Amino acid sequence: MKMIVAVLLLCGPLAWGWSAEGHRAVADIAEGVLRQSGHYAAAQAILGDLTLSDIATCPDELREFQRDSKTPMSAPCQTVFPASSAPKDTSTWHFINIPISIGTPSDSDIASICSKTPCVLDKIKFYGTVLADASQSKLARLQALSFVVHFIGDVHQPLHTAVRDNDAGGNAEHVRIDNKSTVLHHAWDEPLVSEINPDPQGLANDLAPEIATASSEPSSQPNDWARQSFAYAKPDAYDGVPPADGTKIVATLDTAYQDRAHPIVRIQIARAGVRLAQFISDQLH
């Protein structure tokens, strides 16, 4: 198992959390909330001609480019992360591996995990501080904004917060969904999102009821977001999925599984967008 996970950490589809479409939908929701509240101008001053959606996938694009230079970054992401100033070794920044054997992780559990490996919660907090610091260069704040947009999306994907038997957040379990083979983690990243709506703005529009629900929830902090996301992992994401067995398909994510998963995907993307807007507003005002 350790060898499987090591390979996955080096080359597996670890972190397109919510897929490109899902991340852009989170950004579109946040932009809508910020515009409605009159708080978008401060973010726009950092973005220039870009949008939150333009920079939402840049941390993933950066990681993939640094793994393989034959995977070029998009033009907006090259603007955000020019080669001369792009941070390196960012792979572990996209998730926190909380063992599902922990019932409800405490702040001390989270701190202990993140002290061993840089994690998404530390990076949300760190880049939030950079974003809020007007003495930082515009490029540093733009990069910080990109990381914040992306990582707040990531932490709302249940399998970016959980691990079972060193499976790299569901990357070791090969499954079948919609007649295609993939890994459990990626099933939550992409197919379960695109089945709702593959278009980012269309997805954001479709989630109006969930956005209203998320907007009425009490304010919370990154550790709370991770706990809430983690609570969906064992009873929902891993439900009916046996442990990994090499490259063998261990489960088919059938219609019943997908019907249970879709409401979770919907509310978590909505929460990510609403909370992202509030986080940006708090840092810039």
C-alpha atoms as a PDB file:
ATOM      1  CA  MET A   1       0.000   0.000   0.000  1.00  0.00           C
ATOM      2  CA  LYS A   2       2.827   2.446   0.800  1.00  0.00           C
ATOM      3  CA  MET A   3       4.227   1.928  -2.701  1.00  0.00           C
ATOM      4  CA  ILE A   4       0.791   2.568  -4.260  1.00  0.00           C
ATOM      5  CA  VAL A   5       0.368   5.799  -2.350  1.00  0.00           C
ATOM      6  CA  ALA A   6       3.899   6.953  -3.158  1.00  0.00           C
ATOM      7  CA  VAL A   7       3.180   6.578  -6.863  1.00  0.00           C
ATOM      8  CA  LEU A   8      -0.120   8.376  -6.483  1.00  0.00           C
ATOM      9  CA  LEU A   9       1.524  11.269  -4.684  1.00  0.00           C
ATOM     10  CA  LEU A  10       3.980  11.664  -7.525  1.00  0.00           C
ATOM     11  CA  CYS A  11       1.737  11.296 -10.529  1.00  0.00           C
ATOM     12  CA  GLY A  12      -1.873  10.598  -9.562  1.00  0.00           C
ATOM     13  CA  PRO A  13      -4.887  12.872 -10.211  1.00  0.00           C
ATOM     14  CA  LEU A  14      -4.690  14.247  -6.708  1.00  0.00           C
ATOM     15  CA  ALA A  15      -6.174  17.678  -6.685  1.00  0.00           C
ATOM     16  CA  TRP A  16      -8.454  18.940  -9.375  1.00  0.00           C
ATOM     17  CA  GLY A  17     -10.821  19.354  -6.432  1.00  0.00           C
ATOM     18  CA  TRP A  18     -14.270  19.875  -7.952  1.00  0.00           C
ATOM     19  CA  SER A  19     -12.640  19.819 -11.419  1.00  0.00           C
ATOM     20  CA  ALA A  20     -11.854  22.980 -13.356  1.00  0.00           C
ATOM     21  CA  GLU A  21     -15.584  23.543 -13.827  1.00  0.00           C
ATOM     22  CA  GLY A  22     -16.295  23.153 -10.128  1.00  0.00           C
ATOM     23  CA  HIS A  23     -13.530  25.546  -9.095  1.00  0.00           C
ATOM     24  CA  ARG A  24     -14.730  28.140 -11.579  1.00  0.00           C
ATOM     25  CA  ALA A  25     -18.293  27.751 -10.319  1.00  0.00           C
ATOM     26  CA  VAL A  26     -17.066  28.425  -6.762  1.00  0.00           C
ATOM     27  CA  ALA A  27     -15.331  31.551  -8.065  1.00  0.00           C
ATOM     28  CA  ASP A  28     -18.440  32.661 -10.000  1.00  0.00           C
ATOM     29  CA  ILE A  29     -20.602  32.249  -6.885  1.00  0.00           C
ATOM     30  CA  ALA A  30     -18.132  34.259  -4.819  1.00  0.00           C
ATOM     31  CA  GLU A  31     -17.968  37.024  -7.417  1.00  0.00           C
ATOM     32  CA  GLY A  32     -21.750  37.233  -7.504  1.00  0.00           C
ATOM     33  CA  VAL A  33     -21.955  37.510  -3.717  1.00  0.00           C
ATOM     34  CA  LEU A  34     -19.185  40.125  -3.619  1.00  0.00           C
ATOM     35  CA  ARG A  35     -20.808  42.213  -6.321  1.00  0.00           C
ATOM     36  CA  GLN A  36     -24.187  42.023  -4.595  1.00  0.00           C
ATOM     37  CA  SER A  37     -22.614  43.225  -1.340  1.00  0.00           C
ATOM     38  CA  GLY A  38     -20.644  45.984  -3.073  1.00  0.00           C
ATOM     39  CA  HIS A  39     -17.310  44.453  -2.013  1.00  0.00           C
ATOM     40  CA  TYR A  40     -15.934  43.292  -5.368  1.00  0.00           C
ATOM     41  CA  ALA A  41     -13.978  46.452  -6.219  1.00  0.00           C
ATOM     42  CA  ALA A  42     -11.117  45.678  -3.826  1.00  0.00           C
ATOM     43  CA  ALA A  43     -10.648  42.240  -5.371  1.00  0.00           C
ATOM     44  CA  GLN A  44     -10.908  43.695  -8.870  1.00  0.00           C
ATOM     45  CA  ALA A  45      -8.105  46.138  -8.070  1.00  0.00           C
ATOM     46  CA  ILE A  46      -5.821  43.140  -7.485  1.00  0.00           C
ATOM     47  CA  LEU A  47      -7.189  41.115 -10.397  1.00  0.00           C
ATOM     48  CA  GLY A  48      -6.840  43.849 -13.023  1.00  0.00           C
ATOM     49  CA  ASP A  49      -8.274  42.459 -16.264  1.00  0.00           C
ATOM     50  CA  LEU A  50      -8.665  38.969 -14.781  1.00  0.00           C
ATOM     51  CA  THR A  51     -11.642  37.490 -12.951  1.00  0.00           C
ATOM     52  CA  LEU A  52     -11.862  35.176  -9.971  1.00  0.00           C
ATOM     53  CA  SER A  53     -12.860  32.436 -12.391  1.00  0.00           C
ATOM     54  CA  ASP A  54      -9.732  33.053 -14.492  1.00  0.00           C
ATOM     55  CA  ILE A  55      -7.447  32.412 -11.513  1.00  0.00           C
ATOM     56  CA  ALA A  56      -9.461  29.633  -9.855  1.00  0.00           C
ATOM     57  CA  THR A  57      -7.540  26.743 -11.415  1.00  0.00           C
ATOM     58  CA  CYS A  58      -4.065  28.310 -11.438  1.00  0.00           C
ATOM     59  CA  PRO A  59      -2.715  26.433  -8.377  1.00  0.00           C
ATOM     60  CA  ASP A  60      -3.582  23.130 -10.082  1.00  0.00           C
ATOM     61  CA  GLU A  61      -2.118  24.300 -13.372  1.00  0.00           C
ATOM     62  CA  LEU A  62       1.051  25.394 -11.569  1.00  0.00           C
ATOM     63  CA  ARG A  63       1.421  22.031  -9.859  1.00  0.00           C
ATOM     64  CA  GLU A  64       0.899  20.106 -13.100  1.00  0.00           C
ATOM     65  CA  PHE A  65       3.341  22.312 -15.030  1.00  0.00           C
ATOM     66  CA  GLN A  66       6.015  21.806 -12.392  1.00  0.00           C
ATOM     67  CA  ARG A  67       5.457  18.048 -12.550  1.00  0.00           C
ATOM     68  CA  ASP A  68       5.656  18.045 -16.342  1.00  0.00           C
ATOM     69  CA  SER A  69       6.700  21.134 -18.303  1.00  0.00           C
ATOM     70  CA  LYS A  70       4.917  19.687 -21.342  1.00  0.00           C
ATOM     71  CA  THR A  71       1.650  20.592 -19.587  1.00  0.00           C
ATOM     72  CA  PRO A  72       1.484  24.347 -20.273  1.00  0.00           C
ATOM     73  CA  MET A  73      -0.383  26.749 -18.062  1.00  0.00           C
ATOM     74  CA  SER A  74      -3.156  28.892 -19.495  1.00  0.00           C
ATOM     75  CA  ALA A  75      -2.369  32.513 -20.328  1.00  0.00           C
ATOM     76  CA  PRO A  76      -4.092  33.884 -17.179  1.00  0.00           C
ATOM     77  CA  CYS A  77      -2.199  31.440 -14.977  1.00  0.00           C
ATOM     78  CA  GLN A  78       1.122  32.326 -16.584  1.00  0.00           C
ATOM     79  CA  THR A  79       0.336  35.915 -15.582  1.00  0.00           C
ATOM     80  CA  VAL A  80      -0.407  34.875 -11.997  1.00  0.00           C
ATOM     81  CA  PHE A  81       2.538  32.499 -11.657  1.00  0.00           C
ATOM     82  CA  PRO A  82       5.407  33.643 -13.887  1.00  0.00           C
ATOM     83  CA  ALA A  83       8.324  31.233 -13.757  1.00  0.00           C
ATOM     84  CA  SER A  84      10.513  33.706 -11.918  1.00  0.00           C
ATOM     85  CA  SER A  85       8.239  33.966  -8.884  1.00  0.00           C
ATOM     86  CA  ALA A  86       6.168  30.789  -8.747  1.00  0.00           C
ATOM     87  CA  PRO A  87       6.304  28.865  -5.450  1.00  0.00           C
ATOM     88  CA  LYS A  88       7.442  25.260  -5.636  1.00  0.00           C
ATOM     89  CA  ASP A  89       6.533  21.996  -3.879  1.00  0.00           C
ATOM     90  CA  THR A  90       2.849  22.897  -3.558  1.00  0.00           C
ATOM     91  CA  SER A  91       1.335  19.426  -3.997  1.00  0.00           C
ATOM     92  CA  THR A  92       0.440  18.853  -0.337  1.00  0.00           C
ATOM     93  CA  TRP A  93      -1.112  22.309  -0.028  1.00  0.00           C
ATOM     94  CA  HIS A  94      -4.387  21.175  -1.607  1.00  0.00           C
ATOM     95  CA  PHE A  95      -5.642  18.827   1.112  1.00  0.00           C
ATOM     96  CA  ILE A  96      -5.470  17.649   4.702  1.00  0.00           C
ATOM     97  CA  ASN A  97      -5.322  13.915   5.364  1.00  0.00           C
ATOM     98  CA  ILE A  98      -7.525  13.344   8.419  1.00  0.00           C
ATOM     99  CA  PRO A  99      -7.891   9.597   9.113  1.00  0.00           C
ATOM    100  CA  ILE A 100     -11.536   8.548   8.965  1.00  0.00           C
ATOM    101  CA  SER A 101     -10.908   6.612  12.180  1.00  0.00           C
ATOM    102  CA  ILE A 102     -11.111   9.978  13.952  1.00  0.00           C
ATOM    103  CA  GLY A 103     -14.715  10.683  14.820  1.00  0.00           C
ATOM    104  CA  THR A 104     -14.752  14.469  14.830  1.00  0.00           C
ATOM    105  CA  PRO A 105     -11.297  16.026  14.456  1.00  0.00           C
ATOM    106  CA  SER A 106     -10.447  18.615  17.085  1.00  0.00           C
ATOM    107  CA  ASP A 107      -8.381  21.724  16.454  1.00  0.00           C
ATOM    108  CA  SER A 108      -5.456  19.931  18.102  1.00  0.00           C
ATOM    109  CA  ASP A 109      -5.913  16.924  15.769  1.00  0.00           C
ATOM    110  CA  ILE A 110      -5.840  19.277  12.791  1.00  0.00           C
ATOM    111  CA  ALA A 111      -2.809  21.160  14.100  1.00  0.00           C
ATOM    112  CA  SER A 112      -0.947  17.898  14.653  1.00  0.00           C
ATOM    113  CA  ILE A 113      -1.633  16.683  11.110  1.00  0.00           C
ATOM    114  CA  CYS A 114      -0.628  19.994   9.543  1.00  0.00           C
ATOM    115  CA  SER A 115       2.547  20.201  11.622  1.00  0.00           C
ATOM    116  CA  LYS A 116       3.828  17.071   9.860  1.00  0.00           C
ATOM    117  CA  THR A 117       2.982  18.083   6.290  1.00  0.00           C
ATOM    118  CA  PRO A 118       1.969  21.521   4.973  1.00  0.00           C
ATOM    119  CA  CYS A 119      -1.805  21.386   4.528  1.00  0.00           C
ATOM    120  CA  VAL A 120      -4.630  23.286   2.891  1.00  0.00           C
ATOM    121  CA  LEU A 121      -5.819  24.910   6.127  1.00  0.00           C
ATOM    122  CA  ASP A 122      -2.414  26.408   6.891  1.00  0.00           C
ATOM    123  CA  LYS A 123      -2.185  27.746   3.358  1.00  0.00           C
ATOM    124  CA  ILE A 124      -5.651  29.336   3.448  1.00  0.00           C
ATOM    125  CA  LYS A 125      -4.656  31.167   6.612  1.00  0.00           C
ATOM    126  CA  PHE A 126      -1.193  32.121   5.347  1.00  0.00           C
ATOM    127  CA  TYR A 127      -2.331  33.427   1.983  1.00  0.00           C
ATOM    128  CA  GLY A 128      -5.253  35.203   3.598  1.00  0.00           C
ATOM    129  CA  THR A 129      -2.672  37.180   5.572  1.00  0.00           C
ATOM    130  CA  VAL A 130      -0.689  37.980   2.414  1.00  0.00           C
ATOM    131  CA  LEU A 131      -3.881  39.054   0.635  1.00  0.00           C
ATOM    132  CA  ALA A 132      -4.758  41.414   3.480  1.00  0.00           C
ATOM    133  CA  ASP A 133      -1.299  43.032   3.568  1.00  0.00           C
ATOM    134  CA  ALA A 134      -1.395  46.167   1.413  1.00  0.00           C
ATOM    135  CA  SER A 135       2.398  46.457   1.681  1.00  0.00           C
ATOM    136  CA  GLN A 136       2.817  43.294  -0.397  1.00  0.00           C
ATOM    137  CA  SER A 137       3.401  43.621  -4.149  1.00  0.00           C
ATOM    138  CA  LYS A 138       0.418  43.375  -6.447  1.00  0.00           C
ATOM    139  CA  LEU A 139       1.764  40.100  -7.851  1.00  0.00           C
ATOM    140  CA  ALA A 140       2.156  38.593  -4.371  1.00  0.00           C
ATOM    141  CA  ARG A 141      -1.429  39.537  -3.528  1.00  0.00           C
ATOM    142  CA  LEU A 142      -2.684  38.210  -6.879  1.00  0.00           C
ATOM    143  CA  GLN A 143      -0.980  34.883  -6.214  1.00  0.00           C
ATOM    144  CA  ALA A 144      -2.408  34.873  -2.701  1.00  0.00           C
ATOM    145  CA  LEU A 145      -5.885  35.533  -4.086  1.00  0.00           C
ATOM    146  CA  SER A 146      -5.511  32.664  -6.554  1.00  0.00           C
ATOM    147  CA  PHE A 147      -4.449  30.286  -3.788  1.00  0.00           C
ATOM    148  CA  VAL A 148      -7.313  31.422  -1.550  1.00  0.00           C
ATOM    149  CA  VAL A 149      -9.897  30.967  -4.319  1.00  0.00           C
ATOM    150  CA  HIS A 150      -8.597  27.510  -5.130  1.00  0.00           C
ATOM    151  CA  PHE A 151      -7.907  26.172  -1.651  1.00  0.00           C
ATOM    152  CA  ILE A 152     -11.261  27.230  -0.204  1.00  0.00           C
ATOM    153  CA  GLY A 153     -12.799  25.256  -3.058  1.00  0.00           C
ATOM    154  CA  ASP A 154     -10.548  22.280  -2.303  1.00  0.00           C
ATOM    155  CA  VAL A 155     -11.329  22.077   1.411  1.00  0.00           C
ATOM    156  CA  HIS A 156     -15.042  21.707   0.637  1.00  0.00           C
ATOM    157  CA  GLN A 157     -14.463  18.508  -1.373  1.00  0.00           C
ATOM    158  CA  PRO A 158     -14.871  15.682   1.180  1.00  0.00           C
ATOM    159  CA  LEU A 159     -11.971  13.612  -0.135  1.00  0.00           C
ATOM    160  CA  HIS A 160      -9.614  16.579   0.195  1.00  0.00           C
ATOM    161  CA  THR A 161     -10.045  16.284   3.960  1.00  0.00           C
ATOM    162  CA  ALA A 162     -10.029  12.540   4.607  1.00  0.00           C
ATOM    163  CA  VAL A 163      -7.834   9.493   4.226  1.00  0.00           C
ATOM    164  CA  ARG A 164      -8.574   5.787   4.697  1.00  0.00           C
ATOM    165  CA  ASP A 165      -5.742   3.303   5.158  1.00  0.00           C
ATOM    166  CA  ASN A 166      -3.193   5.599   3.467  1.00  0.00           C
ATOM    167  CA  ASP A 167      -5.281   5.762   0.294  1.00  0.00           C
ATOM    168  CA  ALA A 168      -4.368   9.397  -0.533  1.00  0.00           C
ATOM    169  CA  GLY A 169      -7.933  10.601  -0.138  1.00  0.00           C
ATOM    170  CA  GLY A 170      -9.602   8.001  -2.316  1.00  0.00           C
ATOM    171  CA  ASN A 171      -6.919   7.972  -5.014  1.00  0.00           C
ATOM    172  CA  ALA A 172      -6.061   4.305  -4.410  1.00  0.00           C
ATOM    173  CA  GLU A 173      -9.591   2.945  -4.934  1.00  0.00           C
ATOM    174  CA  HIS A 174     -10.340   2.285  -8.593  1.00  0.00           C
ATOM    175  CA  VAL A 175     -14.039   2.586  -9.370  1.00  0.00           C
ATOM    176  CA  ARG A 176     -16.427   2.754 -12.284  1.00  0.00           C
ATOM    177  CA  ILE A 177     -18.839   5.646 -12.819  1.00  0.00           C
ATOM    178  CA  ASP A 178     -20.942   6.388 -15.909  1.00  0.00           C
ATOM    179  CA  ASN A 179     -19.339   3.370 -17.623  1.00  0.00           C
ATOM    180  CA  LYS A 180     -15.849   4.832 -17.202  1.00  0.00           C
ATOM    181  CA  SER A 181     -12.991   3.739 -14.964  1.00  0.00           C
ATOM    182  CA  THR A 182     -11.396   6.270 -12.626  1.00  0.00           C
ATOM    183  CA  VAL A 183     -10.417   6.585  -8.967  1.00  0.00           C
ATOM    184  CA  LEU A 184     -12.817   7.465  -6.179  1.00  0.00           C
ATOM    185  CA  HIS A 185     -11.202  10.844  -5.558  1.00  0.00           C
ATOM    186  CA  HIS A 186     -11.576  11.904  -9.175  1.00  0.00           C
ATOM    187  CA  ALA A 187     -15.188  10.709  -9.246  1.00  0.00           C
ATOM    188  CA  TRP A 188     -15.934  13.403  -6.662  1.00  0.00           C
ATOM    189  CA  ASP A 189     -13.743  15.947  -8.456  1.00  0.00           C
ATOM    190  CA  GLU A 190     -15.333  15.736 -11.884  1.00  0.00           C
ATOM    191  CA  PRO A 191     -18.139  13.315 -12.905  1.00  0.00           C
ATOM    192  CA  LEU A 192     -20.316  14.047  -9.888  1.00  0.00           C
ATOM    193  CA  VAL A 193     -19.949  17.758 -10.694  1.00  0.00           C
ATOM    194  CA  SER A 194     -20.451  17.639 -14.465  1.00  0.00           C
ATOM    195  CA  GLU A 195     -23.555  15.485 -14.059  1.00  0.00           C
ATOM    196  CA  ILE A 196     -25.187  18.470 -12.343  1.00  0.00           C
ATOM    197  CA  ASN A 197     -23.972  20.963 -14.957  1.00  0.00           C
ATOM    198  CA  PRO A 198     -20.632  20.941 -16.840  1.00  0.00           C
ATOM    199  CA  ASP A 199     -20.729  24.701 -17.452  1.00  0.00           C
ATOM    200  CA  PRO A 200     -19.292  26.737 -14.533  1.00  0.00           C
ATOM    201  CA  GLN A 201     -21.672  29.675 -14.782  1.00  0.00           C
ATOM    202  CA  GLY A 202     -24.595  27.368 -15.451  1.00  0.00           C
ATOM    203  CA  LEU A 203     -23.643  25.327 -12.400  1.00  0.00           C
ATOM    204  CA  ALA A 204     -23.434  28.466 -10.269  1.00  0.00           C
ATOM    205  CA  ASN A 205     -26.878  29.516 -11.492  1.00  0.00           C
ATOM    206  CA  ASP A 206     -28.314  26.048 -10.805  1.00  0.00           C
ATOM    207  CA  LEU A 207     -27.155  26.216  -7.198  1.00  0.00           C
ATOM    208  CA  ALA A 208     -29.286  29.255  -6.281  1.00  0.00           C
ATOM    209  CA  PRO A 209     -31.252  27.326  -3.591  1.00  0.00           C
ATOM    210  CA  GLU A 210     -28.061  25.978  -2.015  1.00  0.00           C
ATOM    211  CA  ILE A 211     -26.423  29.410  -2.162  1.00  0.00           C
ATOM    212  CA  ALA A 212     -29.379  30.834  -0.238  1.00  0.00           C
ATOM    213  CA  THR A 213     -29.011  28.059   2.349  1.00  0.00           C
ATOM    214  CA  ALA A 214     -25.266  28.593   2.670  1.00  0.00           C
ATOM    215  CA  SER A 215     -25.753  32.347   3.025  1.00  0.00           C
ATOM    216  CA  SER A 216     -28.073  31.800   6.000  1.00  0.00           C
ATOM    217  CA  GLU A 217     -25.651  29.551   7.887  1.00  0.00           C
ATOM    218  CA  PRO A 218     -23.642  30.930  10.829  1.00  0.00           C
ATOM    219  CA  SER A 219     -20.185  32.271  10.056  1.00  0.00           C
ATOM    220  CA  SER A 220     -17.391  29.749  10.488  1.00  0.00           C
ATOM    221  CA  GLN A 221     -13.638  29.309  10.130  1.00  0.00           C
ATOM    222  CA  PRO A 222     -11.423  27.106   7.920  1.00  0.00           C
ATOM    223  CA  ASN A 223     -11.097  24.364  10.555  1.00  0.00           C
ATOM    224  CA  ASP A 224     -14.900  24.233  10.748  1.00  0.00           C
ATOM    225  CA  TRP A 225     -15.114  23.902   6.972  1.00  0.00           C
ATOM    226  CA  ALA A 226     -12.703  20.972   7.046  1.00  0.00           C
ATOM    227  CA  ARG A 227     -14.658  19.237   9.815  1.00  0.00           C
ATOM    228  CA  GLN A 228     -17.926  19.683   7.938  1.00  0.00           C
ATOM    229  CA  SER A 229     -16.418  18.364   4.717  1.00  0.00           C
ATOM    230  CA  PHE A 230     -14.746  15.476   6.549  1.00  0.00           C
ATOM    231  CA  ALA A 231     -18.127  14.477   8.008  1.00  0.00           C
ATOM    232  CA  TYR A 232     -19.269  13.517   4.500  1.00  0.00           C
ATOM    233  CA  ALA A 233     -16.287  11.271   3.768  1.00  0.00           C
ATOM    234  CA  LYS A 234     -16.839   8.062   5.747  1.00  0.00           C
ATOM    235  CA  PRO A 235     -20.658   7.782   5.591  1.00  0.00           C
ATOM    236  CA  ASP A 236     -21.041   9.108   2.042  1.00  0.00           C
ATOM    237  CA  ALA A 237     -17.934   9.248  -0.179  1.00  0.00           C
ATOM    238  CA  TYR A 238     -16.565   5.908   1.052  1.00  0.00           C
ATOM    239  CA  ASP A 239     -19.980   4.298   1.427  1.00  0.00           C
ATOM    240  CA  GLY A 240     -20.074   0.952  -0.371  1.00  0.00           C
ATOM    241  CA  VAL A 241     -16.497   1.339  -1.646  1.00  0.00           C
ATOM    242  CA  PRO A 242     -14.177  -1.438  -0.400  1.00  0.00           C
ATOM    243  CA  PRO A 243     -10.496  -0.758   0.306  1.00  0.00           C
ATOM    244  CA  ALA A 244      -8.077  -0.564  -2.613  1.00  0.00           C
ATOM    245  CA  ASP A 245      -7.028  -3.754  -4.375  1.00  0.00           C
ATOM    246  CA  GLY A 246      -4.163  -2.708  -6.630  1.00  0.00           C
ATOM    247  CA  THR A 247      -5.596  -1.567  -9.952  1.00  0.00           C
ATOM    248  CA  LYS A 248      -8.708  -3.725  -9.664  1.00  0.00           C
ATOM    249  CA  ILE A 249     -12.113  -2.020  -9.831  1.00  0.00           C
ATOM    250  CA  VAL A 250     -13.485  -2.262  -6.296  1.00  0.00           C
ATOM    251  CA  ALA A 251     -16.925  -0.660  -6.816  1.00  0.00           C
ATOM    252  CA  THR A 252     -19.373   0.803  -9.307  1.00  0.00           C
ATOM    253  CA  LEU A 253     -20.773   4.165  -8.267  1.00  0.00           C
ATOM    254  CA  ASP A 254     -24.306   3.446  -9.392  1.00  0.00           C
ATOM    255  CA  THR A 255     -27.325   5.709  -9.717  1.00  0.00           C
ATOM    256  CA  ALA A 256     -28.227   5.290  -6.051  1.00  0.00           C
ATOM    257  CA  TYR A 257     -24.714   6.346  -4.991  1.00  0.00           C
ATOM    258  CA  GLN A 258     -24.799   9.335  -7.319  1.00  0.00           C
ATOM    259  CA  ASP A 259     -28.251  10.379  -6.119  1.00  0.00           C
ATOM    260  CA  ARG A 260     -26.906  10.463  -2.558  1.00  0.00           C
ATOM    261  CA  ALA A 261     -23.743  12.302  -3.588  1.00  0.00           C
ATOM    262  CA  HIS A 262     -25.247  15.067  -5.728  1.00  0.00           C
ATOM    263  CA  PRO A 263     -26.895  17.015  -2.875  1.00  0.00           C
ATOM    264  CA  ILE A 264     -23.562  16.973  -1.022  1.00  0.00           C
ATOM    265  CA  VAL A 265     -21.695  18.235  -4.073  1.00  0.00           C
ATOM    266  CA  ARG A 266     -24.295  20.958  -4.570  1.00  0.00           C
ATOM    267  CA  ILE A 267     -24.273  22.321  -1.020  1.00  0.00           C
ATOM    268  CA  GLN A 268     -20.493  22.064  -0.677  1.00  0.00           C
ATOM    269  CA  ILE A 269     -19.801  24.027  -3.858  1.00  0.00           C
ATOM    270  CA  ALA A 270     -22.355  26.616  -2.767  1.00  0.00           C
ATOM    271  CA  ARG A 271     -20.799  26.856   0.689  1.00  0.00           C
ATOM    272  CA  ALA A 272     -17.344  27.214  -0.833  1.00  0.00           C
ATOM    273  CA  GLY A 273     -18.486  30.136  -2.980  1.00  0.00           C
ATOM    274  CA  VAL A 274     -20.318  31.934  -0.176  1.00  0.00           C
ATOM    275  CA  ARG A 275     -17.473  31.420   2.306  1.00  0.00           C
ATOM    276  CA  LEU A 276     -14.884  32.461  -0.252  1.00  0.00           C
ATOM    277  CA  ALA A 277     -16.733  35.735  -0.766  1.00  0.00           C
ATOM    278  CA  GLN A 278     -16.857  36.367   2.968  1.00  0.00           C
ATOM    279  CA  PHE A 279     -13.180  35.462   3.393  1.00  0.00           C
ATOM    280  CA  ILE A 280     -12.105  37.826   0.606  1.00  0.00           C
ATOM    281  CA  SER A 281     -14.312  40.581   2.012  1.00  0.00           C
ATOM    282  CA  ASP A 282     -12.835  40.114   5.493  1.00  0.00           C
ATOM    283  CA  GLN A 283      -9.257  40.329   4.182  1.00  0.00           C
ATOM    284  CA  LEU A 284      -9.773  43.348   1.927  1.00  0.00           C
ATOM    285  CA  HIS A 285     -12.098  45.542   4.008  1.00  0.00           C
END
